[in-house]
PDB file of N, CA and C in Angstrom:
ATOM      1  N   MET A   1      60.781 136.479 179.754  1.00  0.00           N
ATOM      2  CA  MET A   1      59.959 138.424 179.495  1.00  0.00           C
ATOM      3  C   MET A   1      59.376 137.964 178.283  1.00  0.00           C
ATOM      4  N   SER A   2      57.790 138.025 177.916  1.00  0.00           N
ATOM      5  CA  SER A   2      57.185 137.478 177.173  1.00  0.00           C
ATOM      6  C   SER A   2      56.525 138.965 176.488  1.00  0.00           C
ATOM      7  N   HIS A   3      56.316 139.230 175.395  1.00  0.00           N
ATOM      8  CA  HIS A   3      55.582 140.305 174.495  1.00  0.00           C
ATOM      9  C   HIS A   3      54.622 140.012 173.985  1.00  0.00           C
ATOM     10  N   THR A   4      53.325 140.552 174.186  1.00  0.00           N
ATOM     11  CA  THR A   4      52.661 140.666 173.217  1.00  0.00           C
ATOM     12  C   THR A   4      52.685 141.738 171.569  1.00  0.00           C
ATOM     13  N   ILE A   5      53.002 141.124 171.004  1.00  0.00           N
ATOM     14  CA  ILE A   5      52.552 141.908 169.594  1.00  0.00           C
ATOM     15  C   ILE A   5      52.015 142.736 168.817  1.00  0.00           C
ATOM     16  N   THR A   6      51.523 143.993 169.236  1.00  0.00           N
ATOM     17  CA  THR A   6      50.132 144.369 168.577  1.00  0.00           C
ATOM     18  C   THR A   6      50.335 145.090 167.335  1.00  0.00           C
ATOM     19  N   ARG A   7      51.745 145.381 166.543  1.00  0.00           N
ATOM     20  CA  ARG A   7      52.203 146.511 165.535  1.00  0.00           C
ATOM     21  C   ARG A   7      52.129 145.246 164.292  1.00  0.00           C
ATOM     22  N   ALA A   8      52.514 145.775 163.064  1.00  0.00           N
ATOM     23  CA  ALA A   8      52.365 145.350 161.824  1.00  0.00           C
ATOM     24  C   ALA A   8      53.184 146.121 160.970  1.00  0.00           C
ATOM     25  N   VAL A   9      54.178 146.050 160.147  1.00  0.00           N
ATOM     26  CA  VAL A   9      54.607 146.554 159.018  1.00  0.00           C
ATOM     27  C   VAL A   9      54.160 145.808 158.405  1.00  0.00           C
ATOM     28  N   VAL A  10      53.479 146.479 156.995  1.00  0.00           N
ATOM     29  CA  VAL A  10      52.852 145.598 155.704  1.00  0.00           C
ATOM     30  C   VAL A  10      53.960 146.673 155.055  1.00  0.00           C
ATOM     31  N   ALA A  11      54.855 145.621 153.988  1.00  0.00           N
ATOM     32  CA  ALA A  11      55.369 146.264 152.286  1.00  0.00           C
ATOM     33  C   ALA A  11      54.366 146.396 151.287  1.00  0.00           C
ATOM     34  N   THR A  12      54.063 147.248 151.117  1.00  0.00           N
ATOM     35  CA  THR A  12      53.585 147.204 149.469  1.00  0.00           C
ATOM     36  C   THR A  12      54.132 148.500 148.688  1.00  0.00           C
ATOM     37  N   GLY A  13      55.223 148.687 148.649  1.00  0.00           N
ATOM     38  CA  GLY A  13      56.104 149.442 148.158  1.00  0.00           C
ATOM     39  C   GLY A  13      56.323 148.933 146.276  1.00  0.00           C
ATOM     40  N   GLY A  14      56.363 147.576 146.212  1.00  0.00           N
ATOM     41  CA  GLY A  14      57.135 147.235 144.964  1.00  0.00           C
ATOM     42  C   GLY A  14      56.158 147.277 143.448  1.00  0.00           C
ATOM     43  N   ALA A  15      56.937 147.260 142.899  1.00  0.00           N
ATOM     44  CA  ALA A  15      56.382 148.362 141.367  1.00  0.00           C
ATOM     45  C   ALA A  15      55.519 146.763 140.622  1.00  0.00           C
ATOM     46  N   GLY A  16      55.587 145.745 141.392  1.00  0.00           N
ATOM     47  CA  GLY A  16      54.439 144.697 140.496  1.00  0.00           C
ATOM     48  C   GLY A  16      54.941 144.164 138.989  1.00  0.00           C
ATOM     49  N   THR A  17      56.162 144.267 138.734  1.00  0.00           N
ATOM     50  CA  THR A  17      56.496 144.308 137.491  1.00  0.00           C
ATOM     51  C   THR A  17      56.095 143.219 136.266  1.00  0.00           C
ATOM     52  N   LYS A  18      56.085 142.002 137.834  1.00  0.00           N
ATOM     53  CA  LYS A  18      55.715 140.497 137.437  1.00  0.00           C
ATOM     54  C   LYS A  18      54.986 140.256 136.748  1.00  0.00           C
ATOM     55  N   MET A  19      53.924 141.823 137.239  1.00  0.00           N
ATOM     56  CA  MET A  19      52.002 140.889 136.631  1.00  0.00           C
ATOM     57  C   MET A  19      52.084 142.211 135.962  1.00  0.00           C
ATOM     58  N   SER A  20      52.973 143.040 135.007  1.00  0.00           N
ATOM     59  CA  SER A  20      52.299 143.954 134.503  1.00  0.00           C
ATOM     60  C   SER A  20      52.070 143.106 132.826  1.00  0.00           C
ATOM     61  N   PRO A  21      50.852 143.372 132.410  1.00  0.00           N
ATOM     62  CA  PRO A  21      50.751 144.961 132.452  1.00  0.00           C
ATOM     63  C   PRO A  21      49.661 145.039 133.560  1.00  0.00           C
ATOM     64  N   ILE A  22      48.301 144.207 134.336  1.00  0.00           N
ATOM     65  CA  ILE A  22      47.883 144.614 134.516  1.00  0.00           C
ATOM     66  C   ILE A  22      48.387 145.633 135.881  1.00  0.00           C
ATOM     67  N   THR A  23      49.251 145.428 136.558  1.00  0.00           N
ATOM     68  CA  THR A  23      49.553 146.066 137.563  1.00  0.00           C
ATOM     69  C   THR A  23      50.032 147.836 137.033  1.00  0.00           C
ATOM     70  N   ARG A  24      49.854 148.138 135.620  1.00  0.00           N
ATOM     71  CA  ARG A  24      49.905 149.559 135.852  1.00  0.00           C
ATOM     72  C   ARG A  24      48.639 150.296 135.776  1.00  0.00           C
ATOM     73  N   ILE A  25      47.725 149.078 136.432  1.00  0.00           N
ATOM     74  CA  ILE A  25      46.378 150.002 136.967  1.00  0.00           C
ATOM     75  C   ILE A  25      45.882 150.005 137.837  1.00  0.00           C
ATOM     76  N   LEU A  26      46.466 148.460 138.594  1.00  0.00           N
ATOM     77  CA  LEU A  26      45.639 148.151 140.071  1.00  0.00           C
ATOM     78  C   LEU A  26      46.934 147.736 140.710  1.00  0.00           C
ATOM     79  N   PRO A  27      47.239 148.062 141.660  1.00  0.00           N
ATOM     80  CA  PRO A  27      48.505 147.311 142.283  1.00  0.00           C
ATOM     81  C   PRO A  27      48.432 146.310 142.417  1.00  0.00           C
ATOM     82  N   LYS A  28      49.445 145.261 142.465  1.00  0.00           N
ATOM     83  CA  LYS A  28      48.673 143.684 142.809  1.00  0.00           C
ATOM     84  C   LYS A  28      48.248 143.405 144.072  1.00  0.00           C
ATOM     85  N   GLU A  29      48.646 144.258 145.329  1.00  0.00           N
ATOM     86  CA  GLU A  29      47.916 143.708 146.817  1.00  0.00           C
ATOM     87  C   GLU A  29      46.742 144.132 146.626  1.00  0.00           C
ATOM     88  N   MET A  30      46.024 145.143 145.693  1.00  0.00           N
ATOM     89  CA  MET A  30      44.800 145.371 145.148  1.00  0.00           C
ATOM     90  C   MET A  30      43.878 144.559 144.190  1.00  0.00           C
ATOM     91  N   LEU A  31      44.499 143.634 143.838  1.00  0.00           N
ATOM     92  CA  LEU A  31      43.987 142.420 142.973  1.00  0.00           C
ATOM     93  C   LEU A  31      43.052 141.921 143.664  1.00  0.00           C
ATOM     94  N   PRO A  32      41.556 141.536 143.331  1.00  0.00           N
ATOM     95  CA  PRO A  32      40.848 140.923 143.852  1.00  0.00           C
ATOM     96  C   PRO A  32      41.004 139.220 143.710  1.00  0.00           C
ATOM     97  N   ALA A  33      41.073 138.647 144.949  1.00  0.00           N
ATOM     98  CA  ALA A  33      40.672 137.682 144.958  1.00  0.00           C
ATOM     99  C   ALA A  33      39.833 136.885 146.048  1.00  0.00           C
ATOM    100  N   GLY A  34      38.774 136.043 145.889  1.00  0.00           N
ATOM    101  CA  GLY A  34      38.011 135.663 146.427  1.00  0.00           C
ATOM    102  C   GLY A  34      37.004 136.560 147.005  1.00  0.00           C
ATOM    103  N   GLY A  35      36.779 137.569 145.766  1.00  0.00           N
ATOM    104  CA  GLY A  35      35.877 139.058 146.054  1.00  0.00           C
ATOM    105  C   GLY A  35      36.369 140.421 146.684  1.00  0.00           C
ATOM    106  N   LYS A  36      37.712 140.059 147.226  1.00  0.00           N
ATOM    107  CA  LYS A  36      38.148 141.187 147.653  1.00  0.00           C
ATOM    108  C   LYS A  36      39.716 141.660 147.393  1.00  0.00           C
ATOM    109  N   PRO A  37      40.363 142.940 147.798  1.00  0.00           N
ATOM    110  CA  PRO A  37      41.933 142.587 147.442  1.00  0.00           C
ATOM    111  C   PRO A  37      43.007 141.888 148.280  1.00  0.00           C
ATOM    112  N   ILE A  38      43.940 141.425 147.563  1.00  0.00           N
ATOM    113  CA  ILE A  38      44.818 140.591 148.046  1.00  0.00           C
ATOM    114  C   ILE A  38      44.765 140.991 149.521  1.00  0.00           C
ATOM    115  N   LEU A  39      45.100 141.846 149.450  1.00  0.00           N
ATOM    116  CA  LEU A  39      45.717 142.543 151.159  1.00  0.00           C
ATOM    117  C   LEU A  39      44.733 142.972 152.302  1.00  0.00           C
ATOM    118  N   GLU A  40      43.298 142.659 152.111  1.00  0.00           N
ATOM    119  CA  GLU A  40      42.666 142.355 152.854  1.00  0.00           C
ATOM    120  C   GLU A  40      42.676 141.400 153.303  1.00  0.00           C
ATOM    121  N   HIS A  41      43.015 140.291 152.551  1.00  0.00           N
ATOM    122  CA  HIS A  41      42.916 139.121 153.372  1.00  0.00           C
ATOM    123  C   HIS A  41      44.356 138.829 154.644  1.00  0.00           C
ATOM    124  N   LEU A  42      44.930 139.550 154.290  1.00  0.00           N
ATOM    125  CA  LEU A  42      46.283 140.136 154.781  1.00  0.00           C
ATOM    126  C   LEU A  42      45.774 140.616 156.222  1.00  0.00           C
ATOM    127  N   VAL A  43      44.793 141.529 156.002  1.00  0.00           N
ATOM    128  CA  VAL A  43      44.512 142.335 157.344  1.00  0.00           C
ATOM    129  C   VAL A  43      43.664 141.650 158.339  1.00  0.00           C
ATOM    130  N   HIS A  44      42.653 140.676 157.314  1.00  0.00           N
ATOM    131  CA  HIS A  44      41.853 139.992 158.231  1.00  0.00           C
ATOM    132  C   HIS A  44      43.091 138.806 159.012  1.00  0.00           C
ATOM    133  N   GLU A  45      43.753 138.673 158.416  1.00  0.00           N
ATOM    134  CA  GLU A  45      44.960 137.516 158.966  1.00  0.00           C
ATOM    135  C   GLU A  45      45.546 138.169 160.513  1.00  0.00           C
ATOM    136  N   LEU A  46      46.014 139.664 160.138  1.00  0.00           N
ATOM    137  CA  LEU A  46      46.434 140.436 161.135  1.00  0.00           C
ATOM    138  C   LEU A  46      45.537 140.424 161.997  1.00  0.00           C
ATOM    139  N   GLN A  47      44.000 140.598 162.003  1.00  0.00           N
ATOM    140  CA  GLN A  47      43.268 140.837 163.253  1.00  0.00           C
ATOM    141  C   GLN A  47      42.910 139.361 163.867  1.00  0.00           C
ATOM    142  N   ALA A  48      43.298 138.428 162.693  1.00  0.00           N
ATOM    143  CA  ALA A  48      42.824 137.421 163.791  1.00  0.00           C
ATOM    144  C   ALA A  48      44.331 136.893 164.568  1.00  0.00           C
ATOM    145  N   ALA A  49      45.560 137.904 164.655  1.00  0.00           N
ATOM    146  CA  ALA A  49      46.412 137.398 165.373  1.00  0.00           C
ATOM    147  C   ALA A  49      46.906 138.798 166.605  1.00  0.00           C
ATOM    148  N   GLN A  50      45.646 139.359 166.661  1.00  0.00           N
ATOM    149  CA  GLN A  50      45.453 140.529 167.825  1.00  0.00           C
ATOM    150  C   GLN A  50      46.707 141.097 167.446  1.00  0.00           C
ATOM    151  N   ILE A  51      46.254 141.543 166.168  1.00  0.00           N
ATOM    152  CA  ILE A  51      47.395 142.824 165.369  1.00  0.00           C
ATOM    153  C   ILE A  51      46.538 144.480 165.361  1.00  0.00           C
ATOM    154  N   THR A  52      46.754 145.364 166.139  1.00  0.00           N
ATOM    155  CA  THR A  52      45.746 146.316 166.361  1.00  0.00           C
ATOM    156  C   THR A  52      46.241 147.413 165.568  1.00  0.00           C
ATOM    157  N   ASP A  53      47.482 147.832 165.417  1.00  0.00           N
ATOM    158  CA  ASP A  53      48.349 148.793 164.993  1.00  0.00           C
ATOM    159  C   ASP A  53      48.886 148.409 163.314  1.00  0.00           C
ATOM    160  N   VAL A  54      48.743 148.943 162.243  1.00  0.00           N
ATOM    161  CA  VAL A  54      49.143 148.443 160.919  1.00  0.00           C
ATOM    162  C   VAL A  54      49.897 150.121 160.235  1.00  0.00           C
ATOM    163  N   LEU A  55      51.367 149.697 159.876  1.00  0.00           N
ATOM    164  CA  LEU A  55      51.652 150.272 159.069  1.00  0.00           C
ATOM    165  C   LEU A  55      51.704 149.874 157.702  1.00  0.00           C
ATOM    166  N   PHE A  56      51.043 150.659 156.597  1.00  0.00           N
ATOM    167  CA  PHE A  56      51.556 150.266 155.396  1.00  0.00           C
ATOM    168  C   PHE A  56      52.329 151.182 154.524  1.00  0.00           C
ATOM    169  N   VAL A  57      53.721 150.612 154.334  1.00  0.00           N
ATOM    170  CA  VAL A  57      55.265 151.333 153.537  1.00  0.00           C
ATOM    171  C   VAL A  57      54.117 150.927 152.108  1.00  0.00           C
ATOM    172  N   ILE A  58      53.896 151.851 151.222  1.00  0.00           N
ATOM    173  CA  ILE A  58      53.472 152.072 150.373  1.00  0.00           C
ATOM    174  C   ILE A  58      54.534 153.126 149.203  1.00  0.00           C
ATOM    175  N   SER A  59      54.320 152.847 147.937  1.00  0.00           N
ATOM    176  CA  SER A  59      54.201 154.067 147.173  1.00  0.00           C
ATOM    177  C   SER A  59      53.574 154.768 146.649  1.00  0.00           C
ATOM    178  N   SER A  60      54.495 155.636 146.221  1.00  0.00           N
ATOM    179  CA  SER A  60      53.456 157.464 145.665  1.00  0.00           C
ATOM    180  C   SER A  60      52.895 156.915 144.836  1.00  0.00           C
ATOM    181  N   ARG A  61      53.076 156.227 143.808  1.00  0.00           N
ATOM    182  CA  ARG A  61      52.305 155.686 142.350  1.00  0.00           C
ATOM    183  C   ARG A  61      51.011 154.756 143.054  1.00  0.00           C
ATOM    184  N   LYS A  62      50.332 154.401 144.235  1.00  0.00           N
ATOM    185  CA  LYS A  62      49.672 153.776 144.998  1.00  0.00           C
ATOM    186  C   LYS A  62      48.603 154.162 145.685  1.00  0.00           C
ATOM    187  N   PRO A  63      47.997 155.090 145.173  1.00  0.00           N
ATOM    188  CA  PRO A  63      47.236 156.133 146.471  1.00  0.00           C
ATOM    189  C   PRO A  63      45.701 155.010 146.828  1.00  0.00           C
ATOM    190  N   GLN A  64      45.729 153.951 146.022  1.00  0.00           N
ATOM    191  CA  GLN A  64      44.688 153.213 145.805  1.00  0.00           C
ATOM    192  C   GLN A  64      44.286 152.113 147.298  1.00  0.00           C
ATOM    193  N   THR A  65      45.460 152.095 147.892  1.00  0.00           N
ATOM    194  CA  THR A  65      45.534 151.203 149.440  1.00  0.00           C
ATOM    195  C   THR A  65      44.639 152.400 150.536  1.00  0.00           C
ATOM    196  N   PRO A  66      45.388 153.742 150.643  1.00  0.00           N
ATOM    197  CA  PRO A  66      45.317 154.459 151.732  1.00  0.00           C
ATOM    198  C   PRO A  66      43.485 154.787 150.987  1.00  0.00           C
ATOM    199  N   ALA A  67      43.304 154.842 150.015  1.00  0.00           N
ATOM    200  CA  ALA A  67      41.728 155.285 149.386  1.00  0.00           C
ATOM    201  C   ALA A  67      40.715 153.903 149.659  1.00  0.00           C
ATOM    202  N   TYR A  68      41.008 152.921 149.588  1.00  0.00           N
ATOM    203  CA  TYR A  68      40.655 151.768 150.090  1.00  0.00           C
ATOM    204  C   TYR A  68      39.919 151.505 151.784  1.00  0.00           C
ATOM    205  N   PHE A  69      41.246 151.229 152.331  1.00  0.00           N
ATOM    206  CA  PHE A  69      41.377 150.556 153.927  1.00  0.00           C
ATOM    207  C   PHE A  69      41.168 152.204 154.789  1.00  0.00           C
ATOM    208  N   GLY A  70      41.765 153.619 154.560  1.00  0.00           N
ATOM    209  CA  GLY A  70      41.586 154.630 155.238  1.00  0.00           C
ATOM    210  C   GLY A  70      42.353 154.343 156.389  1.00  0.00           C
ATOM    211  N   SER A  71      41.271 154.781 157.819  1.00  0.00           N
ATOM    212  CA  SER A  71      42.055 154.903 158.965  1.00  0.00           C
ATOM    213  C   SER A  71      42.352 153.533 159.443  1.00  0.00           C
ATOM    214  N   GLY A  72      41.424 152.618 159.082  1.00  0.00           N
ATOM    215  CA  GLY A  72      41.448 151.056 159.899  1.00  0.00           C
ATOM    216  C   GLY A  72      40.181 150.924 160.656  1.00  0.00           C
ATOM    217  N   ALA A  73      39.518 152.120 160.729  1.00  0.00           N
ATOM    218  CA  ALA A  73      38.370 151.986 162.530  1.00  0.00           C
ATOM    219  C   ALA A  73      37.233 150.648 161.535  1.00  0.00           C
ATOM    220  N   ALA A  74      37.242 150.592 160.538  1.00  0.00           N
ATOM    221  CA  ALA A  74      36.132 149.654 159.971  1.00  0.00           C
ATOM    222  C   ALA A  74      36.849 148.435 160.225  1.00  0.00           C
ATOM    223  N   TYR A  75      37.606 148.072 160.715  1.00  0.00           N
ATOM    224  CA  TYR A  75      38.528 146.615 161.037  1.00  0.00           C
ATOM    225  C   TYR A  75      38.939 146.555 162.388  1.00  0.00           C
ATOM    226  N   GLY A  76      38.392 147.879 162.906  1.00  0.00           N
ATOM    227  CA  GLY A  76      38.606 148.024 164.811  1.00  0.00           C
ATOM    228  C   GLY A  76      40.308 147.805 164.588  1.00  0.00           C
ATOM    229  N   MET A  77      41.041 148.573 163.815  1.00  0.00           N
ATOM    230  CA  MET A  77      42.449 148.722 164.191  1.00  0.00           C
ATOM    231  C   MET A  77      42.620 149.986 163.309  1.00  0.00           C
ATOM    232  N   ASP A  78      43.807 150.454 163.685  1.00  0.00           N
ATOM    233  CA  ASP A  78      44.667 151.826 163.627  1.00  0.00           C
ATOM    234  C   ASP A  78      45.654 151.648 162.366  1.00  0.00           C
ATOM    235  N   PHE A  79      45.099 152.152 161.301  1.00  0.00           N
ATOM    236  CA  PHE A  79      46.428 152.484 160.112  1.00  0.00           C
ATOM    237  C   PHE A  79      47.209 153.112 159.872  1.00  0.00           C
ATOM    238  N   SER A  80      48.100 153.416 159.538  1.00  0.00           N
ATOM    239  CA  SER A  80      49.060 154.807 159.082  1.00  0.00           C
ATOM    240  C   SER A  80      50.102 153.992 157.519  1.00  0.00           C
ATOM    241  N   TYR A  81      50.263 155.285 157.123  1.00  0.00           N
ATOM    242  CA  TYR A  81      51.041 155.166 155.730  1.00  0.00           C
ATOM    243  C   TYR A  81      51.779 156.125 156.094  1.00  0.00           C
ATOM    244  N   ARG A  82      52.762 155.341 154.938  1.00  0.00           N
ATOM    245  CA  ARG A  82      54.201 155.739 155.281  1.00  0.00           C
ATOM    246  C   ARG A  82      54.849 155.847 153.154  1.00  0.00           C
ATOM    247  N   VAL A  83      54.955 156.876 152.797  1.00  0.00           N
ATOM    248  CA  VAL A  83      55.689 156.542 151.602  1.00  0.00           C
ATOM    249  C   VAL A  83      56.981 156.214 151.028  1.00  0.00           C
ATOM    250  N   GLN A  84      57.206 155.258 150.445  1.00  0.00           N
ATOM    251  CA  GLN A  84      58.590 154.403 150.097  1.00  0.00           C
ATOM    252  C   GLN A  84      59.247 155.103 149.008  1.00  0.00           C
ATOM    253  N   ASP A  85      59.866 155.344 148.433  1.00  0.00           N
ATOM    254  CA  ASP A  85      60.789 155.964 147.110  1.00  0.00           C
ATOM    255  C   ASP A  85      60.946 154.806 146.726  1.00  0.00           C
ATOM    256  N   ASP A  86      60.697 154.899 145.212  1.00  0.00           N
ATOM    257  CA  ASP A  86      60.692 154.138 144.420  1.00  0.00           C
ATOM    258  C   ASP A  86      62.163 152.850 144.631  1.00  0.00           C
ATOM    259  N   GLY A  87      61.950 151.901 144.455  1.00  0.00           N
ATOM    260  CA  GLY A  87      63.244 151.211 144.017  1.00  0.00           C
ATOM    261  C   GLY A  87      64.507 151.173 145.193  1.00  0.00           C
ATOM    262  N   ALA A  88      63.388 151.498 146.574  1.00  0.00           N
ATOM    263  CA  ALA A  88      64.326 151.876 147.405  1.00  0.00           C
ATOM    264  C   ALA A  88      64.936 150.177 148.045  1.00  0.00           C
ATOM    265  N   GLY A  89      64.412 149.280 147.550  1.00  0.00           N
ATOM    266  CA  GLY A  89      64.852 147.413 147.955  1.00  0.00           C
ATOM    267  C   GLY A  89      63.750 147.263 148.931  1.00  0.00           C
ATOM    268  N   PRO A  90      64.088 145.605 149.365  1.00  0.00           N
ATOM    269  CA  PRO A  90      63.098 145.387 150.351  1.00  0.00           C
ATOM    270  C   PRO A  90      63.580 145.248 151.730  1.00  0.00           C
ATOM    271  N   GLY A  91      64.917 146.188 152.571  1.00  0.00           N
ATOM    272  CA  GLY A  91      64.900 147.015 153.231  1.00  0.00           C
ATOM    273  C   GLY A  91      64.220 148.179 153.915  1.00  0.00           C
ATOM    274  N   ALA A  92      63.696 149.063 152.915  1.00  0.00           N
ATOM    275  CA  ALA A  92      63.355 150.186 152.835  1.00  0.00           C
ATOM    276  C   ALA A  92      61.857 150.127 153.925  1.00  0.00           C
ATOM    277  N   PRO A  93      61.420 149.223 153.927  1.00  0.00           N
ATOM    278  CA  PRO A  93      59.912 149.666 154.577  1.00  0.00           C
ATOM    279  C   PRO A  93      60.578 149.363 156.454  1.00  0.00           C
ATOM    280  N   ILE A  94      61.331 148.617 156.634  1.00  0.00           N
ATOM    281  CA  ILE A  94      61.908 148.734 157.954  1.00  0.00           C
ATOM    282  C   ILE A  94      62.483 150.177 158.309  1.00  0.00           C
ATOM    283  N   LEU A  95      63.063 150.487 157.261  1.00  0.00           N
ATOM    284  CA  LEU A  95      63.586 151.946 157.850  1.00  0.00           C
ATOM    285  C   LEU A  95      62.478 152.967 157.727  1.00  0.00           C
ATOM    286  N   ALA A  96      61.974 152.996 156.790  1.00  0.00           N
ATOM    287  CA  ALA A  96      60.303 153.861 156.866  1.00  0.00           C
ATOM    288  C   ALA A  96      59.644 153.262 158.034  1.00  0.00           C
ATOM    289  N   ALA A  97      59.696 152.523 158.974  1.00  0.00           N
ATOM    290  CA  ALA A  97      58.921 152.492 159.901  1.00  0.00           C
ATOM    291  C   ALA A  97      59.418 152.857 161.132  1.00  0.00           C
ATOM    292  N   GLU A  98      60.732 152.772 161.249  1.00  0.00           N
ATOM    293  CA  GLU A  98      61.810 153.373 162.491  1.00  0.00           C
ATOM    294  C   GLU A  98      60.927 153.724 163.223  1.00  0.00           C
ATOM    295  N   THR A  99      60.550 155.155 163.261  1.00  0.00           N
ATOM    296  CA  THR A  99      59.854 155.928 163.758  1.00  0.00           C
ATOM    297  C   THR A  99      59.054 155.670 164.690  1.00  0.00           C
ATOM    298  N   TRP A 100      57.849 154.807 163.862  1.00  0.00           N
ATOM    299  CA  TRP A 100      56.854 154.363 163.909  1.00  0.00           C
ATOM    300  C   TRP A 100      56.437 153.213 164.930  1.00  0.00           C
ATOM    301  N   THR A 101      57.211 152.225 164.802  1.00  0.00           N
ATOM    302  CA  THR A 101      57.851 151.368 165.784  1.00  0.00           C
ATOM    303  C   THR A 101      57.803 151.520 167.717  1.00  0.00           C
ATOM    304  N   ALA A 102      58.667 153.214 167.394  1.00  0.00           N
ATOM    305  CA  ALA A 102      58.943 153.486 168.530  1.00  0.00           C
ATOM    306  C   ALA A 102      59.987 152.201 169.782  1.00  0.00           C
ATOM    307  N   GLY A 103      60.887 151.475 168.830  1.00  0.00           N
ATOM    308  CA  GLY A 103      61.348 150.327 169.549  1.00  0.00           C
ATOM    309  C   GLY A 103      60.167 149.136 170.129  1.00  0.00           C
ATOM    310  N   GLN A 104      59.533 149.282 169.827  1.00  0.00           N
ATOM    311  CA  GLN A 104      58.487 148.225 169.978  1.00  0.00           C
ATOM    312  C   GLN A 104      58.509 147.055 169.157  1.00  0.00           C
ATOM    313  N   PRO A 105      58.423 145.626 169.275  1.00  0.00           N
ATOM    314  CA  PRO A 105      58.520 144.581 169.006  1.00  0.00           C
ATOM    315  C   PRO A 105      57.069 144.780 167.318  1.00  0.00           C
ATOM    316  N   PHE A 106      57.689 144.001 166.372  1.00  0.00           N
ATOM    317  CA  PHE A 106      56.282 144.044 165.398  1.00  0.00           C
ATOM    318  C   PHE A 106      56.745 143.329 164.128  1.00  0.00           C
ATOM    319  N   VAL A 107      55.520 142.880 163.472  1.00  0.00           N
ATOM    320  CA  VAL A 107      55.594 141.620 162.362  1.00  0.00           C
ATOM    321  C   VAL A 107      55.845 142.524 161.143  1.00  0.00           C
ATOM    322  N   HIS A 108      56.759 141.856 160.359  1.00  0.00           N
ATOM    323  CA  HIS A 108      56.580 142.204 159.145  1.00  0.00           C
ATOM    324  C   HIS A 108      55.919 141.505 158.030  1.00  0.00           C
ATOM    325  N   ALA A 109      55.166 141.770 157.293  1.00  0.00           N
ATOM    326  CA  ALA A 109      53.864 141.310 156.473  1.00  0.00           C
ATOM    327  C   ALA A 109      54.341 141.667 155.412  1.00  0.00           C
ATOM    328  N   PHE A 110      54.192 140.872 154.060  1.00  0.00           N
ATOM    329  CA  PHE A 110      53.964 140.774 152.704  1.00  0.00           C
ATOM    330  C   PHE A 110      52.598 140.175 151.868  1.00  0.00           C
ATOM    331  N   PRO A 111      51.827 141.218 151.532  1.00  0.00           N
ATOM    332  CA  PRO A 111      50.840 140.471 150.711  1.00  0.00           C
ATOM    333  C   PRO A 111      50.737 139.868 149.747  1.00  0.00           C
ATOM    334  N   ARG A 112      51.590 138.320 149.459  1.00  0.00           N
ATOM    335  CA  ARG A 112      51.714 137.802 149.013  1.00  0.00           C
ATOM    336  C   ARG A 112      50.535 136.356 148.549  1.00  0.00           C
ATOM    337  N   GLY A 113      50.041 136.030 147.222  1.00  0.00           N
ATOM    338  CA  GLY A 113      48.740 135.340 147.204  1.00  0.00           C
ATOM    339  C   GLY A 113      49.405 134.203 147.558  1.00  0.00           C
ATOM    340  N   SER A 114      50.523 134.362 147.031  1.00  0.00           N
ATOM    341  CA  SER A 114      50.853 132.432 147.535  1.00  0.00           C
ATOM    342  C   SER A 114      51.340 132.445 148.695  1.00  0.00           C
ATOM    343  N   SER A 115      51.262 132.535 149.589  1.00  0.00           N
ATOM    344  CA  SER A 115      51.496 132.500 150.959  1.00  0.00           C
ATOM    345  C   SER A 115      50.711 132.667 152.090  1.00  0.00           C
ATOM    346  N   THR A 116      49.005 133.291 151.428  1.00  0.00           N
ATOM    347  CA  THR A 116      47.994 133.927 152.491  1.00  0.00           C
ATOM    348  C   THR A 116      47.144 132.612 151.801  1.00  0.00           C
ATOM    349  N   ARG A 117      46.528 132.205 153.273  1.00  0.00           N
ATOM    350  CA  ARG A 117      45.502 131.385 152.946  1.00  0.00           C
ATOM    351  C   ARG A 117      43.888 131.584 152.779  1.00  0.00           C
ATOM    352  N   TRP A 118      42.817 131.988 152.354  1.00  0.00           N
ATOM    353  CA  TRP A 118      42.068 132.345 152.017  1.00  0.00           C
ATOM    354  C   TRP A 118      40.829 131.270 151.818  1.00  0.00           C
ATOM    355  N   ALA A 119      40.189 131.508 152.841  1.00  0.00           N
ATOM    356  CA  ALA A 119      38.422 130.573 153.064  1.00  0.00           C
ATOM    357  C   ALA A 119      37.608 131.108 151.530  1.00  0.00           C
TER     358      ALA A 119
END
């Protein structure tokens, strides 16, 4: 049986301490690369993979992500947001997404500049 995966959970709750002090002002996933935030490149890759529903798991200290991306309508997608407790660890986004995924398969994505191809 084949499933079409249309959901993605994007983990963006990290503190970004390795890139401090710049990440004290702007979260690492919102830093510009190629004229747009790193996270926007990932959103475009998810679009290309026919992902339509995205849950961003964010830190309460990162209001920039929902402010920039909003509902996802501009991308033809549906964006949701959940707040992750600071220092919760790498598995926290999956736990935060448990009810949102409703038992459906999903992609777990990380906006890392080193693993994303940009045109």
